[in-house]
Amino acid sequence: MTYRPDYAEAEPARAELDAMPGVVLVEFGASWCGHCRAAQAALQALLACRDDVTHLKIEDGRGRPLGRSFGVKLWPTLVLLRDGQERARVVRPLSRADLTPIAAAMDG
């Protein structure tokens, strides 16, 4: 799956994410968040040729249990899961270089 430009209005259950096979990049944020918008070009470049990665863009905020279950405090927070296990996390990336831990975990 390629880069998703829009945030999903409904979030999956944590158990659903934990059971997903393969590599999943979960992006927590909001469409009005300046930090989230600033990170999009780098994210799009990272995911450009990664059909092996499922990108889930989850709108986060008060009363949203999925973000709380991952301990999200700042946006965007990117969590890379491999077969339901967290392998890497990056908070507020600005450049492609900031995404190096995510890129490394995608390949490892």
PDB file of N, CA and C in Angstrom:
ATOM      1  N   MET A   1       0.848  -1.171   0.000  1.00  0.00           N
ATOM      2  CA  MET A   1       0.000   0.000   0.000  1.00  0.00           C
ATOM      3  C   MET A   1       0.891   1.231   0.000  1.00  0.00           C
ATOM      4  N   THR A   2       0.474   2.223  -0.688  1.00  0.00           N
ATOM      5  CA  THR A   2       1.262   3.440  -0.780  1.00  0.00           C
ATOM      6  C   THR A   2       0.819   4.467   0.257  1.00  0.00           C
ATOM      7  N   TYR A   3       1.455   5.596   0.208  1.00  0.00           N
ATOM      8  CA  TYR A   3       1.167   6.715   1.100  1.00  0.00           C
ATOM      9  C   TYR A   3      -0.313   7.092   1.064  1.00  0.00           C
ATOM     10  N   ARG A   4      -0.888   7.317   2.221  1.00  0.00           N
ATOM     11  CA  ARG A   4      -2.283   7.770   2.331  1.00  0.00           C
ATOM     12  C   ARG A   4      -2.289   9.253   2.665  1.00  0.00           C
ATOM     13  N   PRO A   5      -2.915  10.079   1.855  1.00  0.00           N
ATOM     14  CA  PRO A   5      -2.910  11.518   2.116  1.00  0.00           C
ATOM     15  C   PRO A   5      -3.907  11.972   3.181  1.00  0.00           C
ATOM     16  N   ASP A   6      -4.961  11.184   3.413  1.00  0.00           N
ATOM     17  CA  ASP A   6      -6.019  11.620   4.321  1.00  0.00           C
ATOM     18  C   ASP A   6      -6.078  10.761   5.576  1.00  0.00           C
ATOM     19  N   TYR A   7      -6.479  11.394   6.667  1.00  0.00           N
ATOM     20  CA  TYR A   7      -6.655  10.682   7.930  1.00  0.00           C
ATOM     21  C   TYR A   7      -7.961   9.905   7.911  1.00  0.00           C
ATOM     22  N   ALA A   8      -7.918   8.691   8.434  1.00  0.00           N
ATOM     23  CA  ALA A   8      -9.121   7.873   8.556  1.00  0.00           C
ATOM     24  C   ALA A   8     -10.008   8.448   9.647  1.00  0.00           C
ATOM     25  N   GLU A   9     -11.287   8.489   9.389  1.00  0.00           N
ATOM     26  CA  GLU A   9     -12.211   9.006  10.390  1.00  0.00           C
ATOM     27  C   GLU A   9     -12.461   7.992  11.494  1.00  0.00           C
ATOM     28  N   ALA A  10     -12.446   6.725  11.158  1.00  0.00           N
ATOM     29  CA  ALA A  10     -12.642   5.659  12.146  1.00  0.00           C
ATOM     30  C   ALA A  10     -11.307   4.965  12.382  1.00  0.00           C
ATOM     31  N   GLU A  11     -11.006   4.735  13.637  1.00  0.00           N
ATOM     32  CA  GLU A  11      -9.742   4.057  13.950  1.00  0.00           C
ATOM     33  C   GLU A  11      -9.992   2.582  14.184  1.00  0.00           C
ATOM     34  N   PRO A  12      -9.032   1.738  13.808  1.00  0.00           N
ATOM     35  CA  PRO A  12      -9.178   0.308  14.095  1.00  0.00           C
ATOM     36  C   PRO A  12      -8.989   0.056  15.588  1.00  0.00           C
ATOM     37  N   ALA A  13      -9.402  -1.089  16.030  1.00  0.00           N
ATOM     38  CA  ALA A  13      -9.170  -1.495  17.420  1.00  0.00           C
ATOM     39  C   ALA A  13      -7.703  -1.884  17.577  1.00  0.00           C
ATOM     40  N   ARG A  14      -7.178  -1.711  18.761  1.00  0.00           N
ATOM     41  CA  ARG A  14      -5.774  -2.067  19.018  1.00  0.00           C
ATOM     42  C   ARG A  14      -5.537  -3.543  18.707  1.00  0.00           C
ATOM     43  N   ALA A  15      -6.474  -4.397  19.060  1.00  0.00           N
ATOM     44  CA  ALA A  15      -6.320  -5.832  18.798  1.00  0.00           C
ATOM     45  C   ALA A  15      -6.200  -6.106  17.303  1.00  0.00           C
ATOM     46  N   GLU A  16      -6.896  -5.314  16.490  1.00  0.00           N
ATOM     47  CA  GLU A  16      -6.818  -5.466  15.041  1.00  0.00           C
ATOM     48  C   GLU A  16      -5.406  -5.152  14.539  1.00  0.00           C
ATOM     49  N   LEU A  17      -4.809  -4.074  15.065  1.00  0.00           N
ATOM     50  CA  LEU A  17      -3.428  -3.725  14.678  1.00  0.00           C
ATOM     51  C   LEU A  17      -2.446  -4.784  15.153  1.00  0.00           C
ATOM     52  N   ASP A  18      -2.633  -5.238  16.373  1.00  0.00           N
ATOM     53  CA  ASP A  18      -1.731  -6.248  16.929  1.00  0.00           C
ATOM     54  C   ASP A  18      -1.756  -7.544  16.121  1.00  0.00           C
ATOM     55  N   ALA A  19      -2.864  -7.809  15.448  1.00  0.00           N
ATOM     56  CA  ALA A  19      -3.009  -9.038  14.669  1.00  0.00           C
ATOM     57  C   ALA A  19      -2.630  -8.881  13.202  1.00  0.00           C
ATOM     58  N   MET A  20      -2.333  -7.661  12.755  1.00  0.00           N
ATOM     59  CA  MET A  20      -2.019  -7.447  11.340  1.00  0.00           C
ATOM     60  C   MET A  20      -0.663  -8.044  10.980  1.00  0.00           C
ATOM     61  N   PRO A  21      -0.630  -8.842   9.921  1.00  0.00           N
ATOM     62  CA  PRO A  21       0.654  -9.397   9.484  1.00  0.00           C
ATOM     63  C   PRO A  21       1.449  -8.373   8.678  1.00  0.00           C
ATOM     64  N   GLY A  22       2.740  -8.578   8.621  1.00  0.00           N
ATOM     65  CA  GLY A  22       3.594  -7.730   7.802  1.00  0.00           C
ATOM     66  C   GLY A  22       3.954  -6.415   8.458  1.00  0.00           C
ATOM     67  N   VAL A  23       4.377  -5.462   7.622  1.00  0.00           N
ATOM     68  CA  VAL A  23       4.872  -4.169   8.089  1.00  0.00           C
ATOM     69  C   VAL A  23       3.746  -3.137   7.976  1.00  0.00           C
ATOM     70  N   VAL A  24       3.462  -2.470   9.095  1.00  0.00           N
ATOM     71  CA  VAL A  24       2.399  -1.471   9.166  1.00  0.00           C
ATOM     72  C   VAL A  24       2.984  -0.196   9.762  1.00  0.00           C
ATOM     73  N   LEU A  25       2.821   0.910   9.067  1.00  0.00           N
ATOM     74  CA  LEU A  25       3.235   2.207   9.589  1.00  0.00           C
ATOM     75  C   LEU A  25       1.976   2.959  10.011  1.00  0.00           C
ATOM     76  N   VAL A  26       1.867   3.200  11.319  1.00  0.00           N
ATOM     77  CA  VAL A  26       0.716   3.902  11.861  1.00  0.00           C
ATOM     78  C   VAL A  26       1.134   5.344  12.128  1.00  0.00           C
ATOM     79  N   GLU A  27       0.421   6.266  11.518  1.00  0.00           N
ATOM     80  CA  GLU A  27       0.702   7.692  11.680  1.00  0.00           C
ATOM     81  C   GLU A  27      -0.442   8.316  12.473  1.00  0.00           C
ATOM     82  N   PHE A  28      -0.130   8.854  13.644  1.00  0.00           N
ATOM     83  CA  PHE A  28      -1.115   9.533  14.468  1.00  0.00           C
ATOM     84  C   PHE A  28      -0.948  11.037  14.296  1.00  0.00           C
ATOM     85  N   GLY A  29      -2.047  11.755  14.071  1.00  0.00           N
ATOM     86  CA  GLY A  29      -1.977  13.201  13.913  1.00  0.00           C
ATOM     87  C   GLY A  29      -3.350  13.780  13.647  1.00  0.00           C
ATOM     88  N   ALA A  30      -3.360  14.965  13.058  1.00  0.00           N
ATOM     89  CA  ALA A  30      -4.605  15.637  12.710  1.00  0.00           C
ATOM     90  C   ALA A  30      -4.365  16.501  11.472  1.00  0.00           C
ATOM     91  N   SER A  31      -5.388  16.659  10.669  1.00  0.00           N
ATOM     92  CA  SER A  31      -5.242  17.399   9.416  1.00  0.00           C
ATOM     93  C   SER A  31      -4.909  18.871   9.625  1.00  0.00           C
ATOM     94  N   TRP A  32      -5.298  19.446  10.758  1.00  0.00           N
ATOM     95  CA  TRP A  32      -5.046  20.862  11.031  1.00  0.00           C
ATOM     96  C   TRP A  32      -3.699  21.100  11.718  1.00  0.00           C
ATOM     97  N   CYS A  33      -2.982  20.044  12.076  1.00  0.00           N
ATOM     98  CA  CYS A  33      -1.715  20.143  12.822  1.00  0.00           C
ATOM     99  C   CYS A  33      -0.572  20.567  11.883  1.00  0.00           C
ATOM    100  N   GLY A  34       0.068  21.681  12.196  1.00  0.00           N
ATOM    101  CA  GLY A  34       1.179  22.174  11.385  1.00  0.00           C
ATOM    102  C   GLY A  34       2.356  21.221  11.330  1.00  0.00           C
ATOM    103  N   HIS A  35       2.677  20.579  12.453  1.00  0.00           N
ATOM    104  CA  HIS A  35       3.779  19.609  12.479  1.00  0.00           C
ATOM    105  C   HIS A  35       3.453  18.413  11.588  1.00  0.00           C
ATOM    106  N   CYS A  36       2.187  18.004  11.599  1.00  0.00           N
ATOM    107  CA  CYS A  36       1.762  16.878  10.765  1.00  0.00           C
ATOM    108  C   CYS A  36       1.877  17.222   9.285  1.00  0.00           C
ATOM    109  N   ARG A  37       1.428  18.404   8.921  1.00  0.00           N
ATOM    110  CA  ARG A  37       1.520  18.835   7.518  1.00  0.00           C
ATOM    111  C   ARG A  37       2.979  18.945   7.079  1.00  0.00           C
ATOM    112  N   ALA A  38       3.846  19.435   7.972  1.00  0.00           N
ATOM    113  CA  ALA A  38       5.266  19.596   7.633  1.00  0.00           C
ATOM    114  C   ALA A  38       5.951  18.254   7.384  1.00  0.00           C
ATOM    115  N   ALA A  39       5.454  17.193   7.980  1.00  0.00           N
ATOM    116  CA  ALA A  39       6.080  15.872   7.851  1.00  0.00           C
ATOM    117  C   ALA A  39       5.651  15.124   6.588  1.00  0.00           C
ATOM    118  N   GLN A  40       4.627  15.601   5.905  1.00  0.00           N
ATOM    119  CA  GLN A  40       4.040  14.821   4.816  1.00  0.00           C
ATOM    120  C   GLN A  40       4.964  14.586   3.627  1.00  0.00           C
ATOM    121  N   ALA A  41       5.752  15.562   3.230  1.00  0.00           N
ATOM    122  CA  ALA A  41       6.650  15.367   2.078  1.00  0.00           C
ATOM    123  C   ALA A  41       7.670  14.265   2.369  1.00  0.00           C
ATOM    124  N   ALA A  42       8.229  14.266   3.562  1.00  0.00           N
ATOM    125  CA  ALA A  42       9.204  13.235   3.930  1.00  0.00           C
ATOM    126  C   ALA A  42       8.543  11.862   3.992  1.00  0.00           C
ATOM    127  N   LEU A  43       7.348  11.799   4.530  1.00  0.00           N
ATOM    128  CA  LEU A  43       6.620  10.527   4.602  1.00  0.00           C
ATOM    129  C   LEU A  43       6.278  10.003   3.216  1.00  0.00           C
ATOM    130  N   GLN A  44       5.837  10.895   2.368  1.00  0.00           N
ATOM    131  CA  GLN A  44       5.489  10.497   1.011  1.00  0.00           C
ATOM    132  C   GLN A  44       6.717   9.944   0.281  1.00  0.00           C
ATOM    133  N   ALA A  45       7.862  10.587   0.467  1.00  0.00           N
ATOM    134  CA  ALA A  45       9.095  10.101  -0.158  1.00  0.00           C
ATOM    135  C   ALA A  45       9.489   8.738   0.397  1.00  0.00           C
ATOM    136  N   LEU A  46       9.339   8.564   1.705  1.00  0.00           N
ATOM    137  CA  LEU A  46       9.690   7.290   2.338  1.00  0.00           C
ATOM    138  C   LEU A  46       8.836   6.143   1.801  1.00  0.00           C
ATOM    139  N   LEU A  47       7.563   6.403   1.598  1.00  0.00           N
ATOM    140  CA  LEU A  47       6.629   5.342   1.202  1.00  0.00           C
ATOM    141  C   LEU A  47       6.439   5.210  -0.304  1.00  0.00           C
ATOM    142  N   ALA A  48       7.130   6.030  -1.086  1.00  0.00           N
ATOM    143  CA  ALA A  48       6.921   6.078  -2.535  1.00  0.00           C
ATOM    144  C   ALA A  48       7.034   4.719  -3.216  1.00  0.00           C
ATOM    145  N   CYS A  49       7.979   3.930  -2.856  1.00  0.00           N
ATOM    146  CA  CYS A  49       8.201   2.646  -3.527  1.00  0.00           C
ATOM    147  C   CYS A  49       8.042   1.469  -2.569  1.00  0.00           C
ATOM    148  N   ARG A  50       7.232   1.647  -1.551  1.00  0.00           N
ATOM    149  CA  ARG A  50       7.102   0.616  -0.519  1.00  0.00           C
ATOM    150  C   ARG A  50       5.707  -0.001  -0.536  1.00  0.00           C
ATOM    151  N   ASP A  51       5.426  -0.780  -1.566  1.00  0.00           N
ATOM    152  CA  ASP A  51       4.137  -1.462  -1.647  1.00  0.00           C
ATOM    153  C   ASP A  51       3.999  -2.551  -0.590  1.00  0.00           C
ATOM    154  N   ASP A  52       5.109  -2.876   0.072  1.00  0.00           N
ATOM    155  CA  ASP A  52       5.089  -3.908   1.104  1.00  0.00           C
ATOM    156  C   ASP A  52       4.702  -3.357   2.477  1.00  0.00           C
ATOM    157  N   VAL A  53       4.461  -2.052   2.569  1.00  0.00           N
ATOM    158  CA  VAL A  53       4.140  -1.407   3.845  1.00  0.00           C
ATOM    159  C   VAL A  53       2.701  -0.911   3.805  1.00  0.00           C
ATOM    160  N   THR A  54       1.943  -1.238   4.829  1.00  0.00           N
ATOM    161  CA  THR A  54       0.590  -0.710   4.979  1.00  0.00           C
ATOM    162  C   THR A  54       0.680   0.572   5.786  1.00  0.00           C
ATOM    163  N   HIS A  55       0.220   1.673   5.216  1.00  0.00           N
ATOM    164  CA  HIS A  55       0.247   2.983   5.888  1.00  0.00           C
ATOM    165  C   HIS A  55      -1.154   3.276   6.407  1.00  0.00           C
ATOM    166  N   LEU A  56      -1.284   3.417   7.726  1.00  0.00           N
ATOM    167  CA  LEU A  56      -2.548   3.779   8.343  1.00  0.00           C
ATOM    168  C   LEU A  56      -2.397   5.165   8.934  1.00  0.00           C
ATOM    169  N   LYS A  57      -3.201   6.079   8.476  1.00  0.00           N
ATOM    170  CA  LYS A  57      -3.143   7.467   8.926  1.00  0.00           C
ATOM    171  C   LYS A  57      -4.360   7.680   9.827  1.00  0.00           C
ATOM    172  N   ILE A  58      -4.108   7.774  11.136  1.00  0.00           N
ATOM    173  CA  ILE A  58      -5.169   7.794  12.131  1.00  0.00           C
ATOM    174  C   ILE A  58      -5.301   9.188  12.743  1.00  0.00           C
ATOM    175  N   GLU A  59      -6.495   9.754  12.641  1.00  0.00           N
ATOM    176  CA  GLU A  59      -6.746  11.034  13.289  1.00  0.00           C
ATOM    177  C   GLU A  59      -6.808  10.806  14.795  1.00  0.00           C
ATOM    178  N   ASP A  60      -5.983  11.531  15.513  1.00  0.00           N
ATOM    179  CA  ASP A  60      -5.863  11.342  16.957  1.00  0.00           C
ATOM    180  C   ASP A  60      -6.462  12.539  17.675  1.00  0.00           C
ATOM    181  N   GLY A  61      -6.706  12.395  18.942  1.00  0.00           N
ATOM    182  CA  GLY A  61      -7.239  13.489  19.735  1.00  0.00           C
ATOM    183  C   GLY A  61      -7.896  12.975  20.996  1.00  0.00           C
ATOM    184  N   ARG A  62      -8.466  13.889  21.735  1.00  0.00           N
ATOM    185  CA  ARG A  62      -9.144  13.561  22.984  1.00  0.00           C
ATOM    186  C   ARG A  62     -10.241  12.524  22.737  1.00  0.00           C
ATOM    187  N   GLY A  63     -10.268  11.539  23.597  1.00  0.00           N
ATOM    188  CA  GLY A  63     -11.284  10.501  23.487  1.00  0.00           C
ATOM    189  C   GLY A  63     -10.994   9.436  22.445  1.00  0.00           C
ATOM    190  N   ARG A  64      -9.808   9.449  21.881  1.00  0.00           N
ATOM    191  CA  ARG A  64      -9.422   8.454  20.881  1.00  0.00           C
ATOM    192  C   ARG A  64      -8.545   7.398  21.556  1.00  0.00           C
ATOM    193  N   PRO A  65      -9.063   6.204  21.789  1.00  0.00           N
ATOM    194  CA  PRO A  65      -8.333   5.209  22.567  1.00  0.00           C
ATOM    195  C   PRO A  65      -7.094   4.621  21.896  1.00  0.00           C
ATOM    196  N   LEU A  66      -7.060   4.568  20.568  1.00  0.00           N
ATOM    197  CA  LEU A  66      -5.916   3.937  19.915  1.00  0.00           C
ATOM    198  C   LEU A  66      -4.627   4.708  20.187  1.00  0.00           C
ATOM    199  N   GLY A  67      -4.663   6.022  20.034  1.00  0.00           N
ATOM    200  CA  GLY A  67      -3.476   6.823  20.317  1.00  0.00           C
ATOM    201  C   GLY A  67      -3.033   6.691  21.762  1.00  0.00           C
ATOM    202  N   ARG A  68      -3.999   6.637  22.677  1.00  0.00           N
ATOM    203  CA  ARG A  68      -3.652   6.497  24.094  1.00  0.00           C
ATOM    204  C   ARG A  68      -3.004   5.139  24.357  1.00  0.00           C
ATOM    205  N   SER A  69      -3.476   4.097  23.651  1.00  0.00           N
ATOM    206  CA  SER A  69      -2.911   2.762  23.863  1.00  0.00           C
ATOM    207  C   SER A  69      -1.452   2.695  23.419  1.00  0.00           C
ATOM    208  N   PHE A  70      -1.051   3.596  22.499  1.00  0.00           N
ATOM    209  CA  PHE A  70       0.340   3.676  22.053  1.00  0.00           C
ATOM    210  C   PHE A  70       1.117   4.753  22.798  1.00  0.00           C
ATOM    211  N   GLY A  71       0.495   5.441  23.733  1.00  0.00           N
ATOM    212  CA  GLY A  71       1.181   6.474  24.508  1.00  0.00           C
ATOM    213  C   GLY A  71       1.503   7.719  23.699  1.00  0.00           C
ATOM    214  N   VAL A  72       0.698   8.024  22.695  1.00  0.00           N
ATOM    215  CA  VAL A  72       0.934   9.193  21.847  1.00  0.00           C
ATOM    216  C   VAL A  72       0.664  10.468  22.634  1.00  0.00           C
ATOM    217  N   LYS A  73       1.638  11.384  22.618  1.00  0.00           N
ATOM    218  CA  LYS A  73       1.492  12.668  23.302  1.00  0.00           C
ATOM    219  C   LYS A  73       1.683  13.845  22.347  1.00  0.00           C
ATOM    220  N   LEU A  74       2.488  13.667  21.295  1.00  0.00           N
ATOM    221  CA  LEU A  74       2.761  14.722  20.313  1.00  0.00           C
ATOM    222  C   LEU A  74       2.461  14.195  18.918  1.00  0.00           C
ATOM    223  N   TRP A  75       2.115  15.111  18.036  1.00  0.00           N
ATOM    224  CA  TRP A  75       1.835  14.751  16.639  1.00  0.00           C
ATOM    225  C   TRP A  75       2.861  15.353  15.712  1.00  0.00           C
ATOM    226  N   PRO A  76       3.116  14.734  14.614  1.00  0.00           N
ATOM    227  CA  PRO A  76       2.738  13.360  14.334  1.00  0.00           C
ATOM    228  C   PRO A  76       3.636  12.389  15.097  1.00  0.00           C
ATOM    229  N   THR A  77       3.068  11.281  15.460  1.00  0.00           N
ATOM    230  CA  THR A  77       3.827  10.161  16.000  1.00  0.00           C
ATOM    231  C   THR A  77       3.665   9.024  15.010  1.00  0.00           C
ATOM    232  N   LEU A  78       4.788   8.477  14.590  1.00  0.00           N
ATOM    233  CA  LEU A  78       4.809   7.362  13.636  1.00  0.00           C
ATOM    234  C   LEU A  78       5.283   6.114  14.363  1.00  0.00           C
ATOM    235  N   VAL A  79       4.519   5.056  14.267  1.00  0.00           N
ATOM    236  CA  VAL A  79       4.859   3.791  14.915  1.00  0.00           C
ATOM    237  C   VAL A  79       4.919   2.727  13.834  1.00  0.00           C
ATOM    238  N   LEU A  80       6.068   2.061  13.723  1.00  0.00           N
ATOM    239  CA  LEU A  80       6.219   0.986  12.751  1.00  0.00           C
ATOM    240  C   LEU A  80       6.034  -0.345  13.470  1.00  0.00           C
ATOM    241  N   LEU A  81       5.087  -1.116  12.975  1.00  0.00           N
ATOM    242  CA  LEU A  81       4.815  -2.446  13.520  1.00  0.00           C
ATOM    243  C   LEU A  81       5.228  -3.502  12.508  1.00  0.00           C
ATOM    244  N   ARG A  82       5.776  -4.583  12.995  1.00  0.00           N
ATOM    245  CA  ARG A  82       6.048  -5.751  12.148  1.00  0.00           C
ATOM    246  C   ARG A  82       5.359  -6.931  12.824  1.00  0.00           C
ATOM    247  N   ASP A  83       4.379  -7.482  12.139  1.00  0.00           N
ATOM    248  CA  ASP A  83       3.568  -8.574  12.691  1.00  0.00           C
ATOM    249  C   ASP A  83       3.022  -8.220  14.071  1.00  0.00           C
ATOM    250  N   GLY A  84       2.545  -6.979  14.206  1.00  0.00           N
ATOM    251  CA  GLY A  84       1.898  -6.535  15.427  1.00  0.00           C
ATOM    252  C   GLY A  84       2.819  -6.068  16.539  1.00  0.00           C
ATOM    253  N   GLN A  85       4.116  -6.140  16.324  1.00  0.00           N
ATOM    254  CA  GLN A  85       5.088  -5.733  17.342  1.00  0.00           C
ATOM    255  C   GLN A  85       5.746  -4.413  16.944  1.00  0.00           C
ATOM    256  N   GLU A  86       5.835  -3.492  17.898  1.00  0.00           N
ATOM    257  CA  GLU A  86       6.470  -2.211  17.600  1.00  0.00           C
ATOM    258  C   GLU A  86       7.964  -2.411  17.368  1.00  0.00           C
ATOM    259  N   ARG A  87       8.442  -1.861  16.230  1.00  0.00           N
ATOM    260  CA  ARG A  87       9.853  -1.978  15.869  1.00  0.00           C
ATOM    261  C   ARG A  87      10.568  -0.629  15.860  1.00  0.00           C
ATOM    262  N   ALA A  88       9.806   0.458  15.658  1.00  0.00           N
ATOM    263  CA  ALA A  88      10.422   1.783  15.633  1.00  0.00           C
ATOM    264  C   ALA A  88       9.335   2.824  15.875  1.00  0.00           C
ATOM    265  N   ARG A  89       9.795   3.994  16.378  1.00  0.00           N
ATOM    266  CA  ARG A  89       8.881   5.104  16.642  1.00  0.00           C
ATOM    267  C   ARG A  89       9.629   6.403  16.389  1.00  0.00           C
ATOM    268  N   VAL A  90       8.965   7.340  15.733  1.00  0.00           N
ATOM    269  CA  VAL A  90       9.529   8.659  15.483  1.00  0.00           C
ATOM    270  C   VAL A  90       8.438   9.679  15.795  1.00  0.00           C
ATOM    271  N   VAL A  91       8.825  10.740  16.503  1.00  0.00           N
ATOM    272  CA  VAL A  91       7.886  11.799  16.862  1.00  0.00           C
ATOM    273  C   VAL A  91       8.339  13.104  16.210  1.00  0.00           C
ATOM    274  N   ARG A  92       7.402  13.766  15.546  1.00  0.00           N
ATOM    275  CA  ARG A  92       7.611  15.052  14.885  1.00  0.00           C
ATOM    276  C   ARG A  92       8.785  15.089  13.910  1.00  0.00           C
ATOM    277  N   PRO A  93       8.799  14.188  12.938  1.00  0.00           N
ATOM    278  CA  PRO A  93       9.866  14.253  11.934  1.00  0.00           C
ATOM    279  C   PRO A  93       9.669  15.454  11.021  1.00  0.00           C
ATOM    280  N   LEU A  94      10.769  16.047  10.608  1.00  0.00           N
ATOM    281  CA  LEU A  94      10.713  17.175   9.681  1.00  0.00           C
ATOM    282  C   LEU A  94      11.330  16.841   8.330  1.00  0.00           C
ATOM    283  N   SER A  95      12.255  15.891   8.332  1.00  0.00           N
ATOM    284  CA  SER A  95      12.975  15.570   7.097  1.00  0.00           C
ATOM    285  C   SER A  95      13.028  14.063   6.899  1.00  0.00           C
ATOM    286  N   ARG A  96      13.474  13.681   5.728  1.00  0.00           N
ATOM    287  CA  ARG A  96      13.654  12.251   5.423  1.00  0.00           C
ATOM    288  C   ARG A  96      14.667  11.638   6.373  1.00  0.00           C
ATOM    289  N   ALA A  97      15.688  12.390   6.759  1.00  0.00           N
ATOM    290  CA  ALA A  97      16.706  11.893   7.696  1.00  0.00           C
ATOM    291  C   ALA A  97      16.088  11.567   9.051  1.00  0.00           C
ATOM    292  N   ASP A  98      15.096  12.328   9.470  1.00  0.00           N
ATOM    293  CA  ASP A  98      14.430  12.062  10.749  1.00  0.00           C
ATOM    294  C   ASP A  98      13.695  10.725  10.736  1.00  0.00           C
ATOM    295  N   LEU A  99      13.396  10.223   9.548  1.00  0.00           N
ATOM    296  CA  LEU A  99      12.668   8.966   9.413  1.00  0.00           C
ATOM    297  C   LEU A  99      13.583   7.748   9.308  1.00  0.00           C
ATOM    298  N   THR A 100      14.889   7.943   9.493  1.00  0.00           N
ATOM    299  CA  THR A 100      15.853   6.850   9.369  1.00  0.00           C
ATOM    300  C   THR A 100      15.514   5.651  10.247  1.00  0.00           C
ATOM    301  N   PRO A 101      15.110   5.830  11.524  1.00  0.00           N
ATOM    302  CA  PRO A 101      14.759   4.647  12.327  1.00  0.00           C
ATOM    303  C   PRO A 101      13.579   3.855  11.735  1.00  0.00           C
ATOM    304  N   ILE A 102      12.631   4.559  11.158  1.00  0.00           N
ATOM    305  CA  ILE A 102      11.486   3.874  10.529  1.00  0.00           C
ATOM    306  C   ILE A 102      11.946   3.117   9.288  1.00  0.00           C
ATOM    307  N   ALA A 103      12.749   3.782   8.452  1.00  0.00           N
ATOM    308  CA  ALA A 103      13.254   3.150   7.220  1.00  0.00           C
ATOM    309  C   ALA A 103      14.064   1.907   7.540  1.00  0.00           C
ATOM    310  N   ALA A 104      14.926   1.999   8.556  1.00  0.00           N
ATOM    311  CA  ALA A 104      15.756   0.852   8.938  1.00  0.00           C
ATOM    312  C   ALA A 104      14.899  -0.307   9.421  1.00  0.00           C
ATOM    313  N   ALA A 105      13.869  -0.006  10.201  1.00  0.00           N
ATOM    314  CA  ALA A 105      13.002  -1.065  10.728  1.00  0.00           C
ATOM    315  C   ALA A 105      12.132  -1.689   9.631  1.00  0.00           C
ATOM    316  N   MET A 106      11.838  -0.929   8.584  1.00  0.00           N
ATOM    317  CA  MET A 106      11.066  -1.484   7.459  1.00  0.00           C
ATOM    318  C   MET A 106      11.853  -2.603   6.787  1.00  0.00           C
ATOM    319  N   ASP A 107      13.158  -2.403   6.697  1.00  0.00           N
ATOM    320  CA  ASP A 107      14.006  -3.364   5.998  1.00  0.00           C
ATOM    321  C   ASP A 107      14.545  -4.451   6.904  1.00  0.00           C
ATOM    322  N   GLY A 108      14.449  -4.249   8.198  1.00  0.00           N
ATOM    323  CA  GLY A 108      15.042  -5.210   9.136  1.00  0.00           C
ATOM    324  C   GLY A 108      14.033  -6.051   9.718  1.00  0.00           C
TER     325      GLY A 108
END
